[in-house]
Protein backbone atom coordinates (compact mmCIF):
# COMPACT_ATOMS: atom_id res chain seq x y z
CA UNK A 1 0.00 0.00 0.00
CA UNK A 2 1.26 3.45 -0.89
CA UNK A 3 1.76 5.80 2.02
CA UNK A 4 1.04 8.98 0.07
CA UNK A 5 -1.88 9.90 -2.15
CA UNK A 6 -3.11 13.04 -3.86
CA UNK A 7 -6.84 13.67 -3.63
CA UNK A 8 -8.52 16.18 -5.93
CA UNK A 9 -12.02 17.32 -4.97
CA UNK A 10 -13.79 18.72 -8.00
CA UNK A 11 -17.05 19.45 -9.77
CA UNK A 12 -16.92 18.83 -13.55
CA UNK A 13 -19.29 21.77 -14.06
CA UNK A 14 -16.64 24.16 -12.65
CA UNK A 15 -14.22 25.67 -15.18
CA UNK A 16 -11.37 25.88 -12.67
CA UNK A 17 -11.96 22.26 -11.69
CA UNK A 18 -11.85 21.20 -15.33
CA UNK A 19 -8.54 23.02 -15.79
CA UNK A 20 -7.10 21.25 -12.76
CA UNK A 21 -8.36 17.82 -13.83
CA UNK A 22 -6.94 18.28 -17.32
CA UNK A 23 -3.47 18.56 -15.75
CA UNK A 24 -3.78 15.42 -13.60
CA UNK A 25 -3.44 12.40 -15.94
CA UNK A 26 -0.27 10.52 -15.09
CA UNK A 27 -0.11 11.86 -11.53
CA UNK A 28 1.07 9.00 -9.27
CA UNK A 29 -1.33 7.82 -6.54
CA UNK A 30 -4.10 10.15 -7.70
CA UNK A 31 -7.69 9.92 -6.47
CA UNK A 32 -10.35 12.28 -7.83
CA UNK A 33 -13.53 12.84 -5.84
CA UNK A 34 -16.36 14.51 -7.73
CA UNK A 35 -19.43 16.13 -6.18
CA UNK A 36 -21.35 15.85 -9.47
CA UNK A 37 -23.76 13.11 -10.53
CA UNK A 38 -22.21 9.87 -11.76
CA UNK A 39 -22.96 10.53 -15.46
CA UNK A 40 -21.22 13.93 -15.42
CA UNK A 41 -18.32 12.52 -13.43
CA UNK A 42 -17.91 9.63 -15.88
CA UNK A 43 -17.89 12.05 -18.83
CA UNK A 44 -15.16 14.16 -17.20
CA UNK A 45 -13.10 11.12 -16.22
CA UNK A 46 -13.25 9.68 -19.72
CA UNK A 47 -12.41 13.04 -21.34
CA UNK A 48 -9.24 13.41 -19.27
CA UNK A 49 -8.20 9.77 -19.01
CA UNK A 50 -8.63 9.40 -15.26
CA UNK A 51 -11.60 7.04 -15.13
CA UNK A 52 -9.82 4.44 -13.01
CA UNK A 53 -9.04 7.00 -10.32
CA UNK A 54 -12.38 8.81 -10.05
CA UNK A 55 -15.29 8.45 -7.65
CA UNK A 56 -18.53 10.37 -7.42
CA UNK A 57 -20.24 11.41 -4.22
CA UNK A 58 -23.23 13.37 -5.47
CA UNK A 59 -25.31 15.37 -3.03
CA UNK A 60 -29.01 14.60 -2.71
CA UNK A 61 -31.43 16.62 -4.79
CA UNK A 62 -30.23 19.85 -6.31
CA UNK A 63 -27.96 20.92 -3.44
CA UNK A 64 -24.78 20.42 -5.51
CA UNK A 65 -26.00 23.01 -8.01
CA UNK A 66 -26.39 25.48 -5.14
CA UNK A 67 -22.84 24.96 -3.85
CA UNK A 68 -19.84 26.84 -5.17
CA UNK A 69 -17.13 24.22 -5.55
CA UNK A 70 -13.54 25.20 -6.18
CA UNK A 71 -10.88 22.62 -7.00
CA UNK A 72 -9.02 21.32 -3.98
CA UNK A 73 -5.82 19.27 -3.95
CA UNK A 74 -5.08 17.42 -0.74
CA UNK A 75 -1.98 15.34 -0.02
CA UNK A 76 -2.60 12.45 2.34
CA UNK A 77 0.49 10.84 3.85
CA UNK A 78 0.09 7.81 6.12
CA UNK A 79 -3.54 8.70 6.79
CA UNK A 80 -2.95 12.37 7.60
CA UNK A 81 -3.52 15.45 5.48
CA UNK A 82 -0.18 17.19 5.01
PDB file of N, CA and C in Angstrom:
ATOM      1  N   UNK A   1       0.835  -1.186   0.000  1.00  0.00           N
ATOM      2  CA  UNK A   1       0.000   0.000   0.000  1.00  0.00           C
ATOM      3  C   UNK A   1       0.879   1.249   0.000  1.00  0.00           C
ATOM      4  N   UNK A   2       0.525   2.198  -0.819  1.00  0.00           N
ATOM      5  CA  UNK A   2       1.264   3.448  -0.888  1.00  0.00           C
ATOM      6  C   UNK A   2       0.967   4.275   0.354  1.00  0.00           C
ATOM      7  N   UNK A   3       1.962   4.997   0.824  1.00  0.00           N
ATOM      8  CA  UNK A   3       1.761   5.801   2.021  1.00  0.00           C
ATOM      9  C   UNK A   3       1.280   7.207   1.696  1.00  0.00           C
ATOM     10  N   UNK A   4       1.409   7.621   0.438  1.00  0.00           N
ATOM     11  CA  UNK A   4       1.035   8.985   0.072  1.00  0.00           C
ATOM     12  C   UNK A   4       0.118   8.965  -1.137  1.00  0.00           C
ATOM     13  N   UNK A   5      -0.940   9.762  -1.050  1.00  0.00           N
ATOM     14  CA  UNK A   5      -1.880   9.902  -2.151  1.00  0.00           C
ATOM     15  C   UNK A   5      -2.198  11.372  -2.355  1.00  0.00           C
ATOM     16  N   UNK A   6      -2.616  11.703  -3.555  1.00  0.00           N
ATOM     17  CA  UNK A   6      -3.109  13.040  -3.856  1.00  0.00           C
ATOM     18  C   UNK A   6      -4.591  12.905  -4.151  1.00  0.00           C
ATOM     19  N   UNK A   7      -5.400  13.685  -3.451  1.00  0.00           N
ATOM     20  CA  UNK A   7      -6.843  13.668  -3.630  1.00  0.00           C
ATOM     21  C   UNK A   7      -7.265  15.013  -4.204  1.00  0.00           C
ATOM     22  N   UNK A   8      -7.969  14.971  -5.322  1.00  0.00           N
ATOM     23  CA  UNK A   8      -8.522  16.184  -5.931  1.00  0.00           C
ATOM     24  C   UNK A   8     -10.033  16.151  -5.741  1.00  0.00           C
ATOM     25  N   UNK A   9     -10.576  17.200  -5.155  1.00  0.00           N
ATOM     26  CA  UNK A   9     -12.022  17.322  -4.967  1.00  0.00           C
ATOM     27  C   UNK A   9     -12.502  18.345  -5.981  1.00  0.00           C
ATOM     28  N   UNK A  10     -13.402  17.886  -6.867  1.00  0.00           N
ATOM     29  CA  UNK A  10     -13.790  18.723  -8.002  1.00  0.00           C
ATOM     30  C   UNK A  10     -15.270  18.588  -8.330  1.00  0.00           C
ATOM     31  N   UNK A  11     -15.721  19.500  -9.166  1.00  0.00           N
ATOM     32  CA  UNK A  11     -17.046  19.450  -9.770  1.00  0.00           C
ATOM     33  C   UNK A  11     -16.827  19.666 -11.265  1.00  0.00           C
ATOM     34  N   UNK A  12     -17.161  18.696 -12.116  1.00  0.00           N
ATOM     35  CA  UNK A  12     -16.917  18.827 -13.551  1.00  0.00           C
ATOM     36  C   UNK A  12     -17.609  20.025 -14.197  1.00  0.00           C
ATOM     37  N   UNK A  13     -18.577  20.607 -13.516  1.00  0.00           N
ATOM     38  CA  UNK A  13     -19.288  21.767 -14.058  1.00  0.00           C
ATOM     39  C   UNK A  13     -18.558  23.073 -13.755  1.00  0.00           C
ATOM     40  N   UNK A  14     -17.438  22.998 -13.056  1.00  0.00           N
ATOM     41  CA  UNK A  14     -16.639  24.164 -12.651  1.00  0.00           C
ATOM     42  C   UNK A  14     -15.457  24.302 -13.610  1.00  0.00           C
ATOM     43  N   UNK A  15     -15.315  25.461 -14.229  1.00  0.00           N
ATOM     44  CA  UNK A  15     -14.224  25.673 -15.181  1.00  0.00           C
ATOM     45  C   UNK A  15     -12.850  25.513 -14.560  1.00  0.00           C
ATOM     46  N   UNK A  16     -12.665  26.026 -13.349  1.00  0.00           N
ATOM     47  CA  UNK A  16     -11.371  25.882 -12.671  1.00  0.00           C
ATOM     48  C   UNK A  16     -11.082  24.429 -12.348  1.00  0.00           C
ATOM     49  N   UNK A  17     -12.124  23.687 -11.982  1.00  0.00           N
ATOM     50  CA  UNK A  17     -11.959  22.262 -11.691  1.00  0.00           C
ATOM     51  C   UNK A  17     -11.552  21.513 -12.952  1.00  0.00           C
ATOM     52  N   UNK A  18     -12.191  21.855 -14.069  1.00  0.00           N
ATOM     53  CA  UNK A  18     -11.851  21.198 -15.333  1.00  0.00           C
ATOM     54  C   UNK A  18     -10.398  21.465 -15.708  1.00  0.00           C
ATOM     55  N   UNK A  19      -9.939  22.687 -15.502  1.00  0.00           N
ATOM     56  CA  UNK A  19      -8.543  23.021 -15.788  1.00  0.00           C
ATOM     57  C   UNK A  19      -7.600  22.180 -14.928  1.00  0.00           C
ATOM     58  N   UNK A  20      -7.921  22.060 -13.650  1.00  0.00           N
ATOM     59  CA  UNK A  20      -7.095  21.249 -12.756  1.00  0.00           C
ATOM     60  C   UNK A  20      -7.083  19.793 -13.209  1.00  0.00           C
ATOM     61  N   UNK A  21      -8.254  19.234 -13.451  1.00  0.00           N
ATOM     62  CA  UNK A  21      -8.363  17.825 -13.826  1.00  0.00           C
ATOM     63  C   UNK A  21      -7.624  17.543 -15.128  1.00  0.00           C
ATOM     64  N   UNK A  22      -7.639  18.496 -16.047  1.00  0.00           N
ATOM     65  CA  UNK A  22      -6.944  18.283 -17.322  1.00  0.00           C
ATOM     66  C   UNK A  22      -5.431  18.157 -17.132  1.00  0.00           C
ATOM     67  N   UNK A  23      -4.910  18.635 -16.007  1.00  0.00           N
ATOM     68  CA  UNK A  23      -3.470  18.559 -15.754  1.00  0.00           C
ATOM     69  C   UNK A  23      -3.077  17.334 -14.927  1.00  0.00           C
ATOM     70  N   UNK A  24      -4.042  16.510 -14.529  1.00  0.00           N
ATOM     71  CA  UNK A  24      -3.777  15.415 -13.597  1.00  0.00           C
ATOM     72  C   UNK A  24      -3.414  14.054 -14.198  1.00  0.00           C
ATOM     73  N   UNK A  25      -3.787  13.732 -15.445  1.00  0.00           N
ATOM     74  CA  UNK A  25      -3.437  12.399 -15.941  1.00  0.00           C
ATOM     75  C   UNK A  25      -1.950  12.110 -15.775  1.00  0.00           C
ATOM     76  N   UNK A  26      -1.652  10.915 -15.300  1.00  0.00           N
ATOM     77  CA  UNK A  26      -0.268  10.519 -15.092  1.00  0.00           C
ATOM     78  C   UNK A  26       0.260  10.841 -13.703  1.00  0.00           C
ATOM     79  N   UNK A  27      -0.534  11.537 -12.891  1.00  0.00           N
ATOM     80  CA  UNK A  27      -0.110  11.860 -11.530  1.00  0.00           C
ATOM     81  C   UNK A  27      -0.116  10.582 -10.694  1.00  0.00           C
ATOM     82  N   UNK A  28       1.013  10.234 -10.070  1.00  0.00           N
ATOM     83  CA  UNK A  28       1.066   9.001  -9.269  1.00  0.00           C
ATOM     84  C   UNK A  28       0.133   9.074  -8.055  1.00  0.00           C
ATOM     85  N   UNK A  29      -0.493   7.953  -7.741  1.00  0.00           N
ATOM     86  CA  UNK A  29      -1.329   7.817  -6.542  1.00  0.00           C
ATOM     87  C   UNK A  29      -2.441   8.853  -6.468  1.00  0.00           C
ATOM     88  N   UNK A  30      -3.037   9.163  -7.607  1.00  0.00           N
ATOM     89  CA  UNK A  30      -4.100  10.154  -7.701  1.00  0.00           C
ATOM     90  C   UNK A  30      -5.458   9.534  -7.406  1.00  0.00           C
ATOM     91  N   UNK A  31      -6.288  10.256  -6.673  1.00  0.00           N
ATOM     92  CA  UNK A  31      -7.686   9.919  -6.473  1.00  0.00           C
ATOM     93  C   UNK A  31      -8.477  11.193  -6.706  1.00  0.00           C
ATOM     94  N   UNK A  32      -9.505  11.120  -7.542  1.00  0.00           N
ATOM     95  CA  UNK A  32     -10.351  12.275  -7.829  1.00  0.00           C
ATOM     96  C   UNK A  32     -11.730  12.007  -7.249  1.00  0.00           C
ATOM     97  N   UNK A  33     -12.220  12.940  -6.455  1.00  0.00           N
ATOM     98  CA  UNK A  33     -13.533  12.841  -5.839  1.00  0.00           C
ATOM     99  C   UNK A  33     -14.395  13.947  -6.421  1.00  0.00           C
ATOM    100  N   UNK A  34     -15.469  13.563  -7.085  1.00  0.00           N
ATOM    101  CA  UNK A  34     -16.361  14.512  -7.734  1.00  0.00           C
ATOM    102  C   UNK A  34     -17.647  14.643  -6.933  1.00  0.00           C
ATOM    103  N   UNK A  35     -18.153  15.885  -6.856  1.00  0.00           N
ATOM    104  CA  UNK A  35     -19.425  16.127  -6.177  1.00  0.00           C
ATOM    105  C   UNK A  35     -20.593  16.146  -7.167  1.00  0.00           C
ATOM    106  N   UNK A  36     -20.318  15.843  -8.428  1.00  0.00           N
ATOM    107  CA  UNK A  36     -21.346  15.846  -9.466  1.00  0.00           C
ATOM    108  C   UNK A  36     -21.987  14.470  -9.600  1.00  0.00           C
ATOM    109  N   UNK A  37     -23.130  14.402 -10.263  1.00  0.00           N
ATOM    110  CA  UNK A  37     -23.760  13.114 -10.528  1.00  0.00           C
ATOM    111  C   UNK A  37     -22.825  12.174 -11.294  1.00  0.00           C
ATOM    112  N   UNK A  38     -23.076  10.898 -11.167  1.00  0.00           N
ATOM    113  CA  UNK A  38     -22.208   9.872 -11.757  1.00  0.00           C
ATOM    114  C   UNK A  38     -22.018  10.081 -13.260  1.00  0.00           C
ATOM    115  N   UNK A  39     -23.076  10.371 -13.999  1.00  0.00           N
ATOM    116  CA  UNK A  39     -22.963  10.529 -15.455  1.00  0.00           C
ATOM    117  C   UNK A  39     -22.010  11.668 -15.817  1.00  0.00           C
ATOM    118  N   UNK A  40     -22.103  12.797 -15.132  1.00  0.00           N
ATOM    119  CA  UNK A  40     -21.220  13.931 -15.416  1.00  0.00           C
ATOM    120  C   UNK A  40     -19.785  13.615 -15.000  1.00  0.00           C
ATOM    121  N   UNK A  41     -19.650  12.913 -13.899  1.00  0.00           N
ATOM    122  CA  UNK A  41     -18.321  12.521 -13.426  1.00  0.00           C
ATOM    123  C   UNK A  41     -17.671  11.568 -14.423  1.00  0.00           C
ATOM    124  N   UNK A  42     -18.436  10.594 -14.909  1.00  0.00           N
ATOM    125  CA  UNK A  42     -17.913   9.627 -15.878  1.00  0.00           C
ATOM    126  C   UNK A  42     -17.466  10.324 -17.161  1.00  0.00           C
ATOM    127  N   UNK A  43     -18.248  11.300 -17.628  1.00  0.00           N
ATOM    128  CA  UNK A  43     -17.893  12.049 -18.834  1.00  0.00           C
ATOM    129  C   UNK A  43     -16.571  12.776 -18.639  1.00  0.00           C
ATOM    130  N   UNK A  44     -16.408  13.446 -17.491  1.00  0.00           N
ATOM    131  CA  UNK A  44     -15.162  14.160 -17.196  1.00  0.00           C
ATOM    132  C   UNK A  44     -13.988  13.186 -17.121  1.00  0.00           C
ATOM    133  N   UNK A  45     -14.176  12.095 -16.415  1.00  0.00           N
ATOM    134  CA  UNK A  45     -13.100  11.123 -16.217  1.00  0.00           C
ATOM    135  C   UNK A  45     -12.644  10.529 -17.547  1.00  0.00           C
ATOM    136  N   UNK A  46     -13.583  10.234 -18.408  1.00  0.00           N
ATOM    137  CA  UNK A  46     -13.253   9.684 -19.721  1.00  0.00           C
ATOM    138  C   UNK A  46     -12.526  10.721 -20.571  1.00  0.00           C
ATOM    139  N   UNK A  47     -13.009  11.947 -20.549  1.00  0.00           N
ATOM    140  CA  UNK A  47     -12.414  13.036 -21.341  1.00  0.00           C
ATOM    141  C   UNK A  47     -10.947  13.249 -20.993  1.00  0.00           C
ATOM    142  N   UNK A  48     -10.605  13.119 -19.706  1.00  0.00           N
ATOM    143  CA  UNK A  48      -9.241  13.413 -19.270  1.00  0.00           C
ATOM    144  C   UNK A  48      -8.426  12.172 -18.930  1.00  0.00           C
ATOM    145  N   UNK A  49      -8.958  10.994 -19.201  1.00  0.00           N
ATOM    146  CA  UNK A  49      -8.199   9.768 -19.013  1.00  0.00           C
ATOM    147  C   UNK A  49      -7.897   9.409 -17.567  1.00  0.00           C
ATOM    148  N   UNK A  50      -8.835   9.707 -16.674  1.00  0.00           N
ATOM    149  CA  UNK A  50      -8.628   9.402 -15.259  1.00  0.00           C
ATOM    150  C   UNK A  50      -9.746   8.532 -14.694  1.00  0.00           C
ATOM    151  N   UNK A  51     -10.428   7.808 -15.556  1.00  0.00           N
ATOM    152  CA  UNK A  51     -11.601   7.042 -15.132  1.00  0.00           C
ATOM    153  C   UNK A  51     -11.300   6.054 -14.014  1.00  0.00           C
ATOM    154  N   UNK A  52     -10.142   5.427 -14.025  1.00  0.00           N
ATOM    155  CA  UNK A  52      -9.816   4.440 -13.007  1.00  0.00           C
ATOM    156  C   UNK A  52      -9.546   5.033 -11.642  1.00  0.00           C
ATOM    157  N   UNK A  53      -9.395   6.345 -11.573  1.00  0.00           N
ATOM    158  CA  UNK A  53      -9.044   7.001 -10.317  1.00  0.00           C
ATOM    159  C   UNK A  53     -10.151   7.904  -9.786  1.00  0.00           C
ATOM    160  N   UNK A  54     -11.339   7.832 -10.356  1.00  0.00           N
ATOM    161  CA  UNK A  54     -12.381   8.805 -10.048  1.00  0.00           C
ATOM    162  C   UNK A  54     -13.581   8.159  -9.368  1.00  0.00           C
ATOM    163  N   UNK A  55     -14.074   8.864  -8.352  1.00  0.00           N
ATOM    164  CA  UNK A  55     -15.293   8.453  -7.650  1.00  0.00           C
ATOM    165  C   UNK A  55     -16.242   9.635  -7.614  1.00  0.00           C
ATOM    166  N   UNK A  56     -17.522   9.331  -7.495  1.00  0.00           N
ATOM    167  CA  UNK A  56     -18.531  10.373  -7.416  1.00  0.00           C
ATOM    168  C   UNK A  56     -19.288  10.241  -6.101  1.00  0.00           C
ATOM    169  N   UNK A  57     -19.438  11.357  -5.439  1.00  0.00           N
ATOM    170  CA  UNK A  57     -20.240  11.411  -4.216  1.00  0.00           C
ATOM    171  C   UNK A  57     -21.240  12.545  -4.405  1.00  0.00           C
ATOM    172  N   UNK A  58     -22.276  12.302  -5.196  1.00  0.00           N
ATOM    173  CA  UNK A  58     -23.229  13.374  -5.472  1.00  0.00           C
ATOM    174  C   UNK A  58     -24.078  13.691  -4.238  1.00  0.00           C
ATOM    175  N   UNK A  59     -24.421  14.948  -4.099  1.00  0.00           N
ATOM    176  CA  UNK A  59     -25.305  15.374  -3.033  1.00  0.00           C
ATOM    177  C   UNK A  59     -26.743  15.086  -3.427  1.00  0.00           C
ATOM    178  N   UNK A  60     -27.596  14.889  -2.456  1.00  0.00           N
ATOM    179  CA  UNK A  60     -29.009  14.596  -2.713  1.00  0.00           C
ATOM    180  C   UNK A  60     -29.700  15.820  -3.318  1.00  0.00           C
ATOM    181  N   UNK A  61     -30.641  15.546  -4.190  1.00  0.00           N
ATOM    182  CA  UNK A  61     -31.433  16.620  -4.792  1.00  0.00           C
ATOM    183  C   UNK A  61     -30.581  17.575  -5.592  1.00  0.00           C
ATOM    184  N   UNK A  62     -30.932  18.830  -5.526  1.00  0.00           N
ATOM    185  CA  UNK A  62     -30.231  19.852  -6.306  1.00  0.00           C
ATOM    186  C   UNK A  62     -29.219  20.636  -5.485  1.00  0.00           C
ATOM    187  N   UNK A  63     -28.868  20.155  -4.301  1.00  0.00           N
ATOM    188  CA  UNK A  63     -27.964  20.921  -3.438  1.00  0.00           C
ATOM    189  C   UNK A  63     -26.609  21.171  -4.093  1.00  0.00           C
ATOM    190  N   UNK A  64     -26.092  20.229  -4.872  1.00  0.00           N
ATOM    191  CA  UNK A  64     -24.784  20.419  -5.514  1.00  0.00           C
ATOM    192  C   UNK A  64     -24.801  21.614  -6.449  1.00  0.00           C
ATOM    193  N   UNK A  65     -25.917  21.871  -7.104  1.00  0.00           N
ATOM    194  CA  UNK A  65     -26.002  23.009  -8.012  1.00  0.00           C
ATOM    195  C   UNK A  65     -26.015  24.329  -7.240  1.00  0.00           C
ATOM    196  N   UNK A  66     -26.351  24.281  -5.962  1.00  0.00           N
ATOM    197  CA  UNK A  66     -26.388  25.484  -5.139  1.00  0.00           C
ATOM    198  C   UNK A  66     -25.028  25.778  -4.497  1.00  0.00           C
ATOM    199  N   UNK A  67     -24.156  24.790  -4.465  1.00  0.00           N
ATOM    200  CA  UNK A  67     -22.841  24.962  -3.850  1.00  0.00           C
ATOM    201  C   UNK A  67     -21.865  25.569  -4.836  1.00  0.00           C
ATOM    202  N   UNK A  68     -20.929  26.341  -4.343  1.00  0.00           N
ATOM    203  CA  UNK A  68     -19.838  26.841  -5.167  1.00  0.00           C
ATOM    204  C   UNK A  68     -18.620  25.994  -4.835  1.00  0.00           C
ATOM    205  N   UNK A  69     -18.254  25.127  -5.753  1.00  0.00           N
ATOM    206  CA  UNK A  69     -17.134  24.218  -5.550  1.00  0.00           C
ATOM    207  C   UNK A  69     -15.911  24.773  -6.274  1.00  0.00           C
ATOM    208  N   UNK A  70     -14.813  24.831  -5.589  1.00  0.00           N
ATOM    209  CA  UNK A  70     -13.540  25.204  -6.183  1.00  0.00           C
ATOM    210  C   UNK A  70     -12.622  23.999  -6.075  1.00  0.00           C
ATOM    211  N   UNK A  71     -11.734  23.814  -7.035  1.00  0.00           N
ATOM    212  CA  UNK A  71     -10.884  22.625  -6.995  1.00  0.00           C
ATOM    213  C   UNK A  71      -9.986  22.637  -5.762  1.00  0.00           C
ATOM    214  N   UNK A  72      -9.867  21.483  -5.164  1.00  0.00           N
ATOM    215  CA  UNK A  72      -9.021  21.318  -3.984  1.00  0.00           C
ATOM    216  C   UNK A  72      -8.062  20.162  -4.237  1.00  0.00           C
ATOM    217  N   UNK A  73      -6.809  20.349  -3.910  1.00  0.00           N
ATOM    218  CA  UNK A  73      -5.825  19.266  -3.949  1.00  0.00           C
ATOM    219  C   UNK A  73      -5.363  19.023  -2.522  1.00  0.00           C
ATOM    220  N   UNK A  74      -5.456  17.792  -2.094  1.00  0.00           N
ATOM    221  CA  UNK A  74      -5.078  17.420  -0.736  1.00  0.00           C
ATOM    222  C   UNK A  74      -4.060  16.292  -0.827  1.00  0.00           C
ATOM    223  N   UNK A  75      -2.976  16.415  -0.095  1.00  0.00           N
ATOM    224  CA  UNK A  75      -1.981  15.344  -0.022  1.00  0.00           C
ATOM    225  C   UNK A  75      -2.207  14.607   1.287  1.00  0.00           C
ATOM    226  N   UNK A  76      -2.389  13.293   1.171  1.00  0.00           N
ATOM    227  CA  UNK A  76      -2.597  12.450   2.343  1.00  0.00           C
ATOM    228  C   UNK A  76      -1.379  11.536   2.468  1.00  0.00           C
ATOM    229  N   UNK A  77      -0.718  11.628   3.593  1.00  0.00           N
ATOM    230  CA  UNK A  77       0.489  10.839   3.845  1.00  0.00           C
ATOM    231  C   UNK A  77       0.295  10.048   5.129  1.00  0.00           C
ATOM    232  N   UNK A  78       0.295   8.725   4.993  1.00  0.00           N
ATOM    233  CA  UNK A  78       0.094   7.815   6.121  1.00  0.00           C
ATOM    234  C   UNK A  78      -1.176   8.141   6.917  1.00  0.00           C
ATOM    235  N   UNK A  79      -2.245   8.459   6.174  1.00  0.00           N
ATOM    236  CA  UNK A  79      -3.541   8.696   6.795  1.00  0.00           C
ATOM    237  C   UNK A  79      -3.755  10.110   7.308  1.00  0.00           C
ATOM    238  N   UNK A  80      -2.811  11.009   7.126  1.00  0.00           N
ATOM    239  CA  UNK A  80      -2.946  12.375   7.604  1.00  0.00           C
ATOM    240  C   UNK A  80      -2.815  13.355   6.447  1.00  0.00           C
ATOM    241  N   UNK A  81      -3.624  14.403   6.481  1.00  0.00           N
ATOM    242  CA  UNK A  81      -3.519  15.452   5.478  1.00  0.00           C
ATOM    243  C   UNK A  81      -2.280  16.278   5.807  1.00  0.00           C
ATOM    244  N   UNK A  82      -1.421  16.431   4.795  1.00  0.00           N
ATOM    245  CA  UNK A  82      -0.178  17.191   5.008  1.00  0.00           C
ATOM    246  C   UNK A  82      -0.107  18.386   4.078  1.00  0.00           C
TER     247      UNK A  82
END
